[in-house]
Amino acid sequence: MNDNLARRNVLGAVLAAMTLPAFPALAAPAFRGDDTARLPDHAAFWTRMPLPFTPADAWHLLSPTTQAEIGAAVIGMALAQYVHGDSMAEADCFHDDALRDAASEVEHDILNRMDDRLWTLFPDLYGPDGDHPAWAINAGMVFPLGASPS
């Protein structure tokens, strides 16, 4: 027992005497957005329709993984739009036309896939595949697809 205690003391002394490299303190991530202008929610527009829930409510129905997926896609779509430079003067655009063309394709691909993804996630907002949503039909705002007005 004394022999084990002596070994621990020696090991402790050796470890204490060693110079260990200093590890930089991990800084907390600098979250962005709380101090910038907010995006409009267009609440007055959404109240003009008998939606089952608001777009903001829909966001909170998504899992954190799906929120991250959609958020990253929106940031990527906006970045591709910037690189494409469609709304910029030619002199202000990226010089590589092939890169700009590819960015345009990425932007449109994300937008088209986003529509499909949201329709799949929210059939109660967008309607089942092949028809308008029940809230729009029931409110008389649209006819079922393929039905003629009577």
C-alpha atoms as a PDB file:
ATOM      1  CA  MET A   1       0.000   0.000   0.000  1.00  0.00           C
ATOM      2  CA  ASN A   2       2.832   2.410   0.897  1.00  0.00           C
ATOM      3  CA  ASP A   3       4.597   1.453  -2.314  1.00  0.00           C
ATOM      4  CA  ASN A   4       1.504   2.473  -4.378  1.00  0.00           C
ATOM      5  CA  LEU A   5       1.250   5.739  -2.491  1.00  0.00           C
ATOM      6  CA  ALA A   6       4.909   6.488  -3.146  1.00  0.00           C
ATOM      7  CA  ARG A   7       4.494   5.805  -6.871  1.00  0.00           C
ATOM      8  CA  ARG A   8       1.504   8.158  -7.011  1.00  0.00           C
ATOM      9  CA  ASN A   9       3.485  10.888  -5.292  1.00  0.00           C
ATOM     10  CA  VAL A  10       6.379  10.479  -7.722  1.00  0.00           C
ATOM     11  CA  LEU A  11       4.038  10.425 -10.721  1.00  0.00           C
ATOM     12  CA  GLY A  12       2.208  13.491  -9.415  1.00  0.00           C
ATOM     13  CA  ALA A  13       5.483  15.349  -8.953  1.00  0.00           C
ATOM     14  CA  VAL A  14       6.654  14.454 -12.472  1.00  0.00           C
ATOM     15  CA  LEU A  15       3.371  15.578 -14.035  1.00  0.00           C
ATOM     16  CA  ALA A  16       3.387  18.800 -12.031  1.00  0.00           C
ATOM     17  CA  ALA A  17       6.933  19.575 -13.184  1.00  0.00           C
ATOM     18  CA  MET A  18       6.151  19.028 -16.852  1.00  0.00           C
ATOM     19  CA  THR A  19       5.527  22.058 -18.992  1.00  0.00           C
ATOM     20  CA  LEU A  20       2.319  21.427 -20.862  1.00  0.00           C
ATOM     21  CA  PRO A  21       1.501  23.435 -23.941  1.00  0.00           C
ATOM     22  CA  ALA A  22      -1.074  26.103 -23.301  1.00  0.00           C
ATOM     23  CA  PHE A  23      -4.324  25.490 -25.092  1.00  0.00           C
ATOM     24  CA  PRO A  24      -6.081  28.586 -26.329  1.00  0.00           C
ATOM     25  CA  ALA A  25      -9.356  29.187 -24.592  1.00  0.00           C
ATOM     26  CA  LEU A  26     -12.260  28.253 -26.773  1.00  0.00           C
ATOM     27  CA  ALA A  27     -14.258  31.354 -27.462  1.00  0.00           C
ATOM     28  CA  ALA A  28     -18.014  31.176 -27.497  1.00  0.00           C
ATOM     29  CA  PRO A  29     -19.382  31.447 -31.034  1.00  0.00           C
ATOM     30  CA  ALA A  30     -20.316  34.959 -32.015  1.00  0.00           C
ATOM     31  CA  PHE A  31     -23.943  34.607 -32.977  1.00  0.00           C
ATOM     32  CA  ARG A  32     -25.109  37.019 -35.624  1.00  0.00           C
ATOM     33  CA  GLY A  33     -28.363  38.741 -36.350  1.00  0.00           C
ATOM     34  CA  ASP A  34     -29.820  39.966 -33.094  1.00  0.00           C
ATOM     35  CA  ASP A  35     -28.414  43.454 -33.595  1.00  0.00           C
ATOM     36  CA  THR A  36     -29.415  43.890 -37.238  1.00  0.00           C
ATOM     37  CA  ALA A  37     -32.651  44.857 -38.960  1.00  0.00           C
ATOM     38  CA  ARG A  38     -35.196  42.038 -38.893  1.00  0.00           C
ATOM     39  CA  LEU A  39     -36.817  40.600 -42.002  1.00  0.00           C
ATOM     40  CA  PRO A  40     -40.444  41.634 -42.442  1.00  0.00           C
ATOM     41  CA  ASP A  41     -42.992  39.012 -41.417  1.00  0.00           C
ATOM     42  CA  HIS A  42     -45.794  40.441 -43.595  1.00  0.00           C
ATOM     43  CA  ALA A  43     -48.276  39.557 -40.838  1.00  0.00           C
ATOM     44  CA  ALA A  44     -51.006  41.775 -42.332  1.00  0.00           C
ATOM     45  CA  PHE A  45     -50.818  39.858 -45.604  1.00  0.00           C
ATOM     46  CA  TRP A  46     -51.030  36.437 -43.927  1.00  0.00           C
ATOM     47  CA  THR A  47     -54.143  37.487 -41.993  1.00  0.00           C
ATOM     48  CA  ARG A  48     -55.981  37.952 -45.300  1.00  0.00           C
ATOM     49  CA  MET A  49     -56.131  34.170 -45.668  1.00  0.00           C
ATOM     50  CA  PRO A  50     -57.543  31.533 -43.290  1.00  0.00           C
ATOM     51  CA  LEU A  51     -54.242  29.703 -42.944  1.00  0.00           C
ATOM     52  CA  PRO A  52     -54.075  26.801 -40.487  1.00  0.00           C
ATOM     53  CA  PHE A  53     -50.961  28.479 -39.018  1.00  0.00           C
ATOM     54  CA  THR A  54     -48.616  31.351 -39.866  1.00  0.00           C
ATOM     55  CA  PRO A  55     -45.307  30.912 -41.671  1.00  0.00           C
ATOM     56  CA  ALA A  56     -43.576  31.689 -38.356  1.00  0.00           C
ATOM     57  CA  ASP A  57     -45.610  28.950 -36.661  1.00  0.00           C
ATOM     58  CA  ALA A  58     -44.708  26.580 -39.509  1.00  0.00           C
ATOM     59  CA  TRP A  59     -41.009  27.208 -38.855  1.00  0.00           C
ATOM     60  CA  HIS A  60     -41.434  26.172 -35.232  1.00  0.00           C
ATOM     61  CA  LEU A  61     -43.096  22.916 -36.329  1.00  0.00           C
ATOM     62  CA  LEU A  62     -39.851  21.876 -38.033  1.00  0.00           C
ATOM     63  CA  SER A  63     -37.162  19.869 -36.274  1.00  0.00           C
ATOM     64  CA  PRO A  64     -33.893  21.711 -35.546  1.00  0.00           C
ATOM     65  CA  THR A  65     -32.212  19.575 -38.230  1.00  0.00           C
ATOM     66  CA  THR A  66     -34.759  20.615 -40.858  1.00  0.00           C
ATOM     67  CA  GLN A  67     -34.560  24.245 -39.747  1.00  0.00           C
ATOM     68  CA  ALA A  68     -30.778  24.090 -40.192  1.00  0.00           C
ATOM     69  CA  GLU A  69     -31.173  22.465 -43.626  1.00  0.00           C
ATOM     70  CA  ILE A  70     -33.599  25.127 -44.850  1.00  0.00           C
ATOM     71  CA  GLY A  71     -31.663  27.992 -43.263  1.00  0.00           C
ATOM     72  CA  ALA A  72     -28.409  26.860 -44.899  1.00  0.00           C
ATOM     73  CA  ALA A  73     -30.197  26.489 -48.243  1.00  0.00           C
ATOM     74  CA  VAL A  74     -31.588  30.036 -48.014  1.00  0.00           C
ATOM     75  CA  ILE A  75     -28.122  31.421 -47.214  1.00  0.00           C
ATOM     76  CA  GLY A  76     -26.655  29.418 -50.107  1.00  0.00           C
ATOM     77  CA  MET A  77     -29.368  30.617 -52.472  1.00  0.00           C
ATOM     78  CA  ALA A  78     -28.735  34.250 -51.520  1.00  0.00           C
ATOM     79  CA  LEU A  79     -24.973  33.793 -51.902  1.00  0.00           C
ATOM     80  CA  ALA A  80     -25.430  32.203 -55.338  1.00  0.00           C
ATOM     81  CA  GLN A  81     -27.682  35.116 -56.316  1.00  0.00           C
ATOM     82  CA  TYR A  82     -24.955  37.532 -55.246  1.00  0.00           C
ATOM     83  CA  VAL A  83     -22.252  35.660 -57.197  1.00  0.00           C
ATOM     84  CA  HIS A  84     -24.538  35.522 -60.235  1.00  0.00           C
ATOM     85  CA  GLY A  85     -24.860  39.298 -59.995  1.00  0.00           C
ATOM     86  CA  ASP A  86     -28.053  39.586 -62.026  1.00  0.00           C
ATOM     87  CA  SER A  87     -29.078  42.856 -60.400  1.00  0.00           C
ATOM     88  CA  MET A  88     -25.607  44.439 -60.535  1.00  0.00           C
ATOM     89  CA  ALA A  89     -23.996  46.619 -63.110  1.00  0.00           C
ATOM     90  CA  GLU A  90     -21.707  44.534 -65.351  1.00  0.00           C
ATOM     91  CA  ALA A  91     -18.613  46.343 -64.035  1.00  0.00           C
ATOM     92  CA  ASP A  92     -19.515  45.306 -60.467  1.00  0.00           C
ATOM     93  CA  CYS A  93     -20.007  41.609 -61.222  1.00  0.00           C
ATOM     94  CA  PHE A  94     -17.650  38.690 -60.769  1.00  0.00           C
ATOM     95  CA  HIS A  95     -15.349  38.487 -63.808  1.00  0.00           C
ATOM     96  CA  ASP A  96     -15.721  34.731 -64.407  1.00  0.00           C
ATOM     97  CA  ASP A  97     -18.822  34.277 -66.569  1.00  0.00           C
ATOM     98  CA  ALA A  98     -18.754  30.489 -66.155  1.00  0.00           C
ATOM     99  CA  LEU A  99     -18.816  30.946 -62.373  1.00  0.00           C
ATOM    100  CA  ARG A 100     -21.695  33.396 -62.659  1.00  0.00           C
ATOM    101  CA  ASP A 101     -23.645  30.996 -64.892  1.00  0.00           C
ATOM    102  CA  ALA A 102     -23.066  28.158 -62.439  1.00  0.00           C
ATOM    103  CA  ALA A 103     -24.214  30.385 -59.580  1.00  0.00           C
ATOM    104  CA  SER A 104     -27.434  31.123 -61.458  1.00  0.00           C
ATOM    105  CA  GLU A 105     -28.034  27.383 -61.871  1.00  0.00           C
ATOM    106  CA  VAL A 106     -27.400  26.813 -58.155  1.00  0.00           C
ATOM    107  CA  GLU A 107     -29.761  29.633 -57.196  1.00  0.00           C
ATOM    108  CA  HIS A 108     -32.585  28.268 -59.356  1.00  0.00           C
ATOM    109  CA  ASP A 109     -31.939  24.674 -58.285  1.00  0.00           C
ATOM    110  CA  ILE A 110     -32.199  25.587 -54.599  1.00  0.00           C
ATOM    111  CA  LEU A 111     -35.357  27.629 -55.188  1.00  0.00           C
ATOM    112  CA  ASN A 112     -37.043  24.804 -57.109  1.00  0.00           C
ATOM    113  CA  ARG A 113     -36.021  22.185 -54.566  1.00  0.00           C
ATOM    114  CA  MET A 114     -37.109  24.471 -51.731  1.00  0.00           C
ATOM    115  CA  ASP A 115     -40.616  24.592 -53.170  1.00  0.00           C
ATOM    116  CA  ASP A 116     -40.750  20.798 -53.351  1.00  0.00           C
ATOM    117  CA  ARG A 117     -39.365  20.435 -49.827  1.00  0.00           C
ATOM    118  CA  LEU A 118     -41.836  22.893 -48.301  1.00  0.00           C
ATOM    119  CA  TRP A 119     -44.810  21.345 -50.118  1.00  0.00           C
ATOM    120  CA  THR A 120     -43.795  17.966 -48.716  1.00  0.00           C
ATOM    121  CA  LEU A 121     -43.357  19.338 -45.198  1.00  0.00           C
ATOM    122  CA  PHE A 122     -46.546  21.419 -45.137  1.00  0.00           C
ATOM    123  CA  PRO A 123     -49.368  19.901 -47.211  1.00  0.00           C
ATOM    124  CA  ASP A 124     -51.788  21.700 -44.879  1.00  0.00           C
ATOM    125  CA  LEU A 125     -50.373  25.038 -46.074  1.00  0.00           C
ATOM    126  CA  TYR A 126     -49.632  24.225 -49.720  1.00  0.00           C
ATOM    127  CA  GLY A 127     -52.180  21.517 -50.416  1.00  0.00           C
ATOM    128  CA  PRO A 128     -51.851  17.850 -51.170  1.00  0.00           C
ATOM    129  CA  ASP A 129     -49.978  16.871 -54.281  1.00  0.00           C
ATOM    130  CA  GLY A 130     -52.133  17.803 -57.241  1.00  0.00           C
ATOM    131  CA  ASP A 131     -54.585  20.159 -55.530  1.00  0.00           C
ATOM    132  CA  HIS A 132     -54.992  23.419 -53.640  1.00  0.00           C
ATOM    133  CA  PRO A 133     -54.969  23.379 -49.839  1.00  0.00           C
ATOM    134  CA  ALA A 134     -58.241  22.737 -48.022  1.00  0.00           C
ATOM    135  CA  TRP A 135     -58.180  26.159 -46.355  1.00  0.00           C
ATOM    136  CA  ALA A 136     -58.200  27.907 -49.754  1.00  0.00           C
ATOM    137  CA  ILE A 137     -60.912  25.652 -51.228  1.00  0.00           C
ATOM    138  CA  ASN A 138     -63.116  25.857 -48.118  1.00  0.00           C
ATOM    139  CA  ALA A 139     -62.826  29.653 -48.043  1.00  0.00           C
ATOM    140  CA  GLY A 140     -63.915  29.831 -51.706  1.00  0.00           C
ATOM    141  CA  MET A 141     -60.616  31.408 -52.710  1.00  0.00           C
ATOM    142  CA  VAL A 142     -59.942  28.736 -55.385  1.00  0.00           C
ATOM    143  CA  PHE A 143     -61.692  25.811 -56.986  1.00  0.00           C
ATOM    144  CA  PRO A 144     -60.240  22.344 -56.656  1.00  0.00           C
ATOM    145  CA  LEU A 145     -57.805  21.789 -59.491  1.00  0.00           C
ATOM    146  CA  GLY A 146     -59.668  20.545 -62.543  1.00  0.00           C
ATOM    147  CA  ALA A 147     -63.055  21.681 -61.230  1.00  0.00           C
ATOM    148  CA  SER A 148     -64.845  24.349 -63.205  1.00  0.00           C
ATOM    149  CA  PRO A 149     -66.675  27.239 -61.549  1.00  0.00           C
ATOM    150  CA  SER A 150     -70.417  26.637 -61.268  1.00  0.00           C
END
